N, C-alpha and C. Protein backbone atom coordinates (compact mmCIF):
# COMPACT_ATOMS: atom_id res chain seq x y z
N MET A 1 111.03 79.93 100.02
CA MET A 1 110.65 81.31 100.30
C MET A 1 109.74 81.81 99.18
N SER A 2 108.65 82.47 99.54
CA SER A 2 107.69 82.98 98.57
C SER A 2 108.23 84.25 97.93
N SER A 3 107.87 84.43 96.69
CA SER A 3 108.26 85.68 96.04
C SER A 3 107.12 86.68 96.17
N THR A 4 107.46 87.95 96.05
CA THR A 4 106.44 88.99 96.11
C THR A 4 105.90 89.21 94.70
N THR A 5 104.75 89.82 94.61
CA THR A 5 104.18 90.09 93.30
C THR A 5 104.44 91.52 92.85
N ARG A 6 104.03 92.51 93.63
CA ARG A 6 104.26 93.92 93.26
C ARG A 6 105.00 94.61 94.40
N ARG A 7 105.79 95.61 94.02
CA ARG A 7 106.58 96.35 95.01
C ARG A 7 106.45 97.84 94.74
N ALA A 8 106.54 98.62 95.81
CA ALA A 8 106.44 100.08 95.68
C ALA A 8 107.47 100.75 96.56
N ILE A 9 108.04 101.81 96.05
CA ILE A 9 108.96 102.64 96.81
C ILE A 9 108.13 103.64 97.60
N VAL A 10 108.44 103.78 98.87
CA VAL A 10 107.75 104.74 99.72
C VAL A 10 108.72 105.88 99.98
N ARG A 11 108.23 107.10 99.77
CA ARG A 11 109.06 108.30 99.98
C ARG A 11 108.39 109.22 100.98
N LEU A 12 109.21 109.93 101.73
CA LEU A 12 108.75 111.02 102.60
C LEU A 12 109.40 112.29 102.09
N SER A 13 108.60 113.28 101.79
CA SER A 13 109.10 114.55 101.24
C SER A 13 110.01 114.31 100.05
N GLY A 14 109.68 113.33 99.22
CA GLY A 14 110.42 113.07 98.00
C GLY A 14 111.65 112.20 98.15
N VAL A 15 112.00 111.81 99.37
CA VAL A 15 113.20 111.01 99.61
C VAL A 15 112.79 109.59 99.99
N ARG A 16 113.38 108.63 99.32
CA ARG A 16 113.05 107.23 99.59
C ARG A 16 113.32 106.88 101.04
N CYS A 17 112.34 106.18 101.66
CA CYS A 17 112.52 105.75 103.04
C CYS A 17 112.27 104.26 103.23
N GLY A 18 111.60 103.60 102.28
CA GLY A 18 111.34 102.18 102.46
C GLY A 18 110.71 101.54 101.26
N LEU A 19 110.37 100.25 101.44
CA LEU A 19 109.81 99.46 100.37
C LEU A 19 108.55 98.75 100.88
N LEU A 20 107.48 98.87 100.10
CA LEU A 20 106.22 98.18 100.40
C LEU A 20 106.07 97.06 99.38
N GLU A 21 105.81 95.85 99.87
CA GLU A 21 105.70 94.69 99.00
C GLU A 21 104.35 94.01 99.18
N GLU A 22 103.78 93.58 98.06
CA GLU A 22 102.58 92.76 98.11
C GLU A 22 103.04 91.31 98.18
N LEU A 23 102.50 90.57 99.11
CA LEU A 23 102.89 89.18 99.31
C LEU A 23 101.86 88.24 98.69
N PRO A 24 102.26 87.05 98.31
CA PRO A 24 101.28 86.08 97.81
C PRO A 24 100.16 85.90 98.83
N GLY A 25 98.94 85.85 98.36
CA GLY A 25 97.80 85.72 99.26
C GLY A 25 97.19 87.05 99.64
N GLY A 26 97.78 88.18 99.21
CA GLY A 26 97.19 89.48 99.46
C GLY A 26 97.74 90.27 100.63
N GLY A 27 98.66 89.70 101.38
CA GLY A 27 99.26 90.43 102.48
C GLY A 27 100.26 91.47 101.99
N THR A 28 100.73 92.30 102.91
CA THR A 28 101.75 93.29 102.56
C THR A 28 102.83 93.34 103.62
N ARG A 29 104.00 93.84 103.19
CA ARG A 29 105.13 94.02 104.10
C ARG A 29 105.79 95.36 103.79
N PHE A 30 106.06 96.14 104.83
CA PHE A 30 106.80 97.39 104.68
C PHE A 30 108.09 97.28 105.46
N THR A 31 109.20 97.68 104.82
CA THR A 31 110.52 97.65 105.44
C THR A 31 111.22 98.97 105.18
N TYR A 32 111.75 99.58 106.24
CA TYR A 32 112.54 100.80 106.07
C TYR A 32 113.87 100.46 105.41
N ASP A 33 114.34 101.34 104.54
CA ASP A 33 115.67 101.21 103.95
C ASP A 33 116.73 101.48 105.01
N GLN A 34 117.82 100.75 104.95
CA GLN A 34 118.92 100.97 105.89
C GLN A 34 119.46 102.40 105.78
N ASP A 35 119.51 102.95 104.57
CA ASP A 35 119.97 104.34 104.40
C ASP A 35 119.07 105.32 105.15
N HIS A 36 117.78 105.06 105.12
CA HIS A 36 116.85 105.94 105.83
C HIS A 36 117.05 105.83 107.34
N LEU A 37 117.22 104.61 107.81
CA LEU A 37 117.42 104.41 109.26
C LEU A 37 118.70 105.09 109.75
N ALA A 38 119.72 105.15 108.89
CA ALA A 38 121.01 105.75 109.27
C ALA A 38 121.02 107.27 109.11
N ARG A 39 120.02 107.81 108.44
CA ARG A 39 119.98 109.25 108.16
C ARG A 39 119.69 110.05 109.42
N ALA A 40 120.46 111.10 109.64
CA ALA A 40 120.20 111.99 110.78
C ALA A 40 118.82 112.61 110.61
N GLY A 41 118.03 112.61 111.65
CA GLY A 41 116.70 113.21 111.60
C GLY A 41 115.67 112.34 110.91
N ALA A 42 115.97 111.06 110.70
CA ALA A 42 115.02 110.17 110.05
C ALA A 42 113.73 110.10 110.86
N ARG A 43 112.61 110.09 110.14
CA ARG A 43 111.30 110.01 110.78
C ARG A 43 110.56 108.78 110.28
N PRO A 44 109.68 108.25 111.10
CA PRO A 44 108.87 107.11 110.64
C PRO A 44 107.79 107.58 109.66
N VAL A 45 107.34 106.66 108.84
CA VAL A 45 106.22 106.93 107.93
C VAL A 45 104.96 107.17 108.75
N SER A 46 104.84 106.42 109.84
CA SER A 46 103.67 106.49 110.71
C SER A 46 104.10 106.11 112.13
N LEU A 47 103.41 106.65 113.12
CA LEU A 47 103.70 106.26 114.50
C LEU A 47 103.39 104.79 114.74
N THR A 48 102.53 104.21 113.91
CA THR A 48 102.21 102.79 114.04
C THR A 48 103.29 101.89 113.44
N MET A 49 104.26 102.51 112.74
CA MET A 49 105.38 101.78 112.16
C MET A 49 106.67 102.51 112.54
N PRO A 50 107.10 102.38 113.81
CA PRO A 50 108.28 103.10 114.27
C PRO A 50 109.55 102.66 113.53
N LEU A 51 110.53 103.55 113.51
CA LEU A 51 111.79 103.25 112.85
C LEU A 51 112.42 102.00 113.44
N GLY A 52 112.98 101.17 112.59
CA GLY A 52 113.67 99.97 113.02
C GLY A 52 113.90 99.05 111.84
N ALA A 53 114.73 98.05 112.06
CA ALA A 53 115.07 97.11 111.00
C ALA A 53 113.98 96.07 110.75
N ALA A 54 113.09 95.86 111.71
CA ALA A 54 112.04 94.85 111.55
C ALA A 54 111.01 95.31 110.52
N SER A 55 110.50 94.36 109.76
CA SER A 55 109.45 94.64 108.78
C SER A 55 108.08 94.65 109.47
N PHE A 56 107.14 95.34 108.86
CA PHE A 56 105.76 95.38 109.32
C PHE A 56 104.93 94.62 108.30
N THR A 57 104.13 93.67 108.76
CA THR A 57 103.33 92.87 107.84
C THR A 57 101.87 92.86 108.27
N ALA A 58 101.02 92.59 107.30
CA ALA A 58 99.58 92.45 107.55
C ALA A 58 99.02 91.48 106.52
N ASP A 59 97.88 90.90 106.85
CA ASP A 59 97.22 89.96 105.93
C ASP A 59 96.57 90.67 104.75
N THR A 60 96.39 91.98 104.86
CA THR A 60 95.83 92.81 103.79
C THR A 60 96.78 93.99 103.62
N LEU A 61 96.30 95.08 103.06
CA LEU A 61 97.11 96.28 102.95
C LEU A 61 97.30 96.86 104.35
N LEU A 62 98.54 97.16 104.72
CA LEU A 62 98.81 97.73 106.04
C LEU A 62 97.91 98.95 106.28
N PRO A 63 97.38 99.09 107.49
CA PRO A 63 96.40 100.14 107.78
C PRO A 63 96.84 101.56 107.38
N PHE A 64 98.09 101.93 107.64
CA PHE A 64 98.53 103.28 107.26
C PHE A 64 98.33 103.51 105.77
N PHE A 65 98.72 102.55 104.95
CA PHE A 65 98.60 102.71 103.50
C PHE A 65 97.14 102.62 103.05
N ARG A 66 96.34 101.80 103.69
CA ARG A 66 94.91 101.72 103.37
C ARG A 66 94.25 103.09 103.60
N ASN A 67 94.69 103.79 104.62
CA ASN A 67 94.10 105.11 104.92
C ASN A 67 94.46 106.18 103.90
N LEU A 68 95.41 105.90 103.02
CA LEU A 68 95.76 106.84 101.95
C LEU A 68 94.81 106.73 100.76
N LEU A 69 94.03 105.65 100.71
CA LEU A 69 93.17 105.39 99.55
C LEU A 69 91.93 106.28 99.56
N PRO A 70 91.43 106.59 98.35
CA PRO A 70 90.19 107.37 98.27
C PRO A 70 89.01 106.57 98.83
N GLU A 71 87.97 107.29 99.23
CA GLU A 71 86.77 106.67 99.78
C GLU A 71 85.54 107.26 99.11
N GLY A 72 84.40 106.62 99.33
CA GLY A 72 83.12 107.15 98.87
C GLY A 72 83.06 107.36 97.37
N TRP A 73 82.51 108.50 96.97
CA TRP A 73 82.33 108.79 95.55
C TRP A 73 83.66 108.89 94.82
N LEU A 74 84.71 109.36 95.53
CA LEU A 74 86.03 109.47 94.90
C LEU A 74 86.61 108.07 94.63
N LEU A 75 86.34 107.13 95.51
CA LEU A 75 86.76 105.75 95.29
C LEU A 75 86.08 105.20 94.04
N ASP A 76 84.77 105.39 93.95
CA ASP A 76 84.03 104.89 92.79
C ASP A 76 84.55 105.50 91.49
N LEU A 77 84.80 106.80 91.51
CA LEU A 77 85.32 107.49 90.33
C LEU A 77 86.72 106.98 89.99
N SER A 78 87.57 106.82 91.00
CA SER A 78 88.94 106.34 90.78
C SER A 78 88.95 104.94 90.18
N LEU A 79 88.13 104.05 90.73
CA LEU A 79 88.07 102.68 90.22
C LEU A 79 87.64 102.65 88.76
N ALA A 80 86.65 103.46 88.42
CA ALA A 80 86.14 103.50 87.05
C ALA A 80 87.18 104.09 86.09
N ARG A 81 87.77 105.20 86.48
CA ARG A 81 88.72 105.88 85.60
C ARG A 81 90.02 105.10 85.43
N LEU A 82 90.49 104.51 86.51
CA LEU A 82 91.80 103.83 86.50
C LEU A 82 91.69 102.36 86.11
N LYS A 83 90.45 101.88 86.01
CA LYS A 83 90.21 100.48 85.66
C LYS A 83 90.91 99.53 86.63
N VAL A 84 90.74 99.81 87.93
CA VAL A 84 91.29 98.98 89.00
C VAL A 84 90.12 98.25 89.65
N ALA A 85 90.32 96.97 89.94
CA ALA A 85 89.27 96.18 90.58
C ALA A 85 89.04 96.67 92.01
N ARG A 86 87.80 96.64 92.46
CA ARG A 86 87.44 97.10 93.80
C ARG A 86 88.22 96.36 94.89
N ASP A 87 88.55 95.11 94.66
CA ASP A 87 89.26 94.33 95.69
C ASP A 87 90.79 94.39 95.55
N ASP A 88 91.30 95.26 94.68
CA ASP A 88 92.75 95.40 94.47
C ASP A 88 93.27 96.66 95.16
N ALA A 89 93.34 96.61 96.49
CA ALA A 89 93.78 97.78 97.26
C ALA A 89 95.22 98.16 96.92
N PHE A 90 96.08 97.18 96.73
CA PHE A 90 97.48 97.48 96.41
C PHE A 90 97.57 98.17 95.05
N GLY A 91 96.81 97.67 94.07
CA GLY A 91 96.79 98.31 92.74
C GLY A 91 96.26 99.72 92.80
N LEU A 92 95.23 99.94 93.61
CA LEU A 92 94.68 101.29 93.77
C LEU A 92 95.70 102.22 94.42
N LEU A 93 96.42 101.70 95.40
CA LEU A 93 97.47 102.49 96.06
C LEU A 93 98.53 102.90 95.03
N LEU A 94 98.97 101.95 94.21
CA LEU A 94 99.97 102.26 93.19
C LEU A 94 99.46 103.29 92.18
N ALA A 95 98.18 103.23 91.88
CA ALA A 95 97.59 104.12 90.87
C ALA A 95 97.29 105.52 91.39
N THR A 96 97.06 105.67 92.70
CA THR A 96 96.60 106.96 93.21
C THR A 96 97.55 107.66 94.18
N CYS A 97 98.54 106.99 94.69
CA CYS A 97 99.33 107.59 95.78
C CYS A 97 100.72 108.05 95.39
N ARG A 98 100.92 108.24 94.10
CA ARG A 98 102.18 108.84 93.65
C ARG A 98 102.23 110.29 94.13
N ASP A 99 101.08 110.91 94.21
CA ASP A 99 100.99 112.30 94.65
C ASP A 99 99.77 112.44 95.56
N CYS A 100 99.83 111.79 96.72
CA CYS A 100 98.68 111.88 97.62
C CYS A 100 98.88 113.02 98.62
N ALA A 101 97.85 113.31 99.37
CA ALA A 101 97.92 114.39 100.35
C ALA A 101 99.01 114.10 101.38
N GLY A 102 99.69 115.13 101.83
CA GLY A 102 100.75 114.94 102.81
C GLY A 102 102.09 114.67 102.15
N GLU A 103 103.04 114.27 102.96
CA GLU A 103 104.40 114.11 102.45
C GLU A 103 104.73 112.71 101.99
N CYS A 104 103.85 111.76 102.19
CA CYS A 104 104.11 110.37 101.82
C CYS A 104 103.73 110.13 100.36
N GLU A 105 104.62 109.48 99.63
CA GLU A 105 104.37 109.09 98.24
C GLU A 105 104.62 107.59 98.13
N VAL A 106 103.82 106.94 97.31
CA VAL A 106 103.99 105.52 97.05
C VAL A 106 104.06 105.37 95.54
N VAL A 107 105.21 104.92 95.03
CA VAL A 107 105.39 104.81 93.59
C VAL A 107 105.81 103.39 93.22
N PRO A 108 105.29 102.88 92.12
CA PRO A 108 105.66 101.53 91.71
C PRO A 108 107.17 101.41 91.52
N GLU A 109 107.72 100.29 91.96
CA GLU A 109 109.13 100.03 91.73
C GLU A 109 109.26 99.42 90.34
N VAL A 110 109.91 100.15 89.45
CA VAL A 110 110.05 99.69 88.07
C VAL A 110 111.33 98.89 87.93
N GLU A 111 112.42 99.46 88.36
CA GLU A 111 113.72 98.79 88.33
C GLU A 111 114.27 98.79 89.75
N PRO A 112 114.54 97.61 90.31
CA PRO A 112 114.99 97.55 91.70
C PRO A 112 116.23 98.40 91.99
N HIS A 113 117.07 98.63 90.99
CA HIS A 113 118.30 99.37 91.25
C HIS A 113 118.29 100.77 90.63
N ALA A 114 117.11 101.27 90.32
CA ALA A 114 117.00 102.61 89.74
C ALA A 114 117.45 103.65 90.76
N ALA A 115 118.09 104.68 90.28
CA ALA A 115 118.59 105.74 91.17
C ALA A 115 117.42 106.44 91.84
N GLU A 116 117.53 106.66 93.11
CA GLU A 116 116.53 107.35 93.90
C GLU A 116 117.15 108.60 94.48
N PRO A 117 116.39 109.69 94.61
CA PRO A 117 116.95 110.88 95.26
C PRO A 117 117.25 110.58 96.72
N THR A 118 118.32 111.13 97.22
CA THR A 118 118.68 111.00 98.62
C THR A 118 118.55 112.36 99.27
N ALA A 119 118.68 112.40 100.58
CA ALA A 119 118.56 113.66 101.31
C ALA A 119 119.56 114.69 100.80
N GLY A 120 120.74 114.25 100.39
CA GLY A 120 121.76 115.16 99.88
C GLY A 120 121.41 115.76 98.54
N ASP A 121 120.49 115.11 97.79
CA ASP A 121 120.09 115.61 96.47
C ASP A 121 119.03 116.68 96.56
N ARG A 122 118.44 116.87 97.72
CA ARG A 122 117.33 117.80 97.87
C ARG A 122 117.80 119.12 98.41
């Protein structure tokens, strides 16, 4: 089994809902947390990734997450300021989407067992 290289916690309105993983070769996988799936009123991150136990994978950055990235002049500025390579979409996502527009946040996973806020904490 291949190991992943980088991982990110995905939150909706500040509450953890899943895990995004970079796979060897540049692909990605998103999986909803079981706690999120069991939560009353749980919502999907995107209509293209409906709630369920199955993971979503792509050969590159999953389209929903790619659409969170800056474009045009803001992309150029972000790459220069953050010192991220143009072909490192996952790295750019980690660097820019901690506080992106809307309710979705993508934050680097530092410690796999670090405490995360739950719906009851909000």
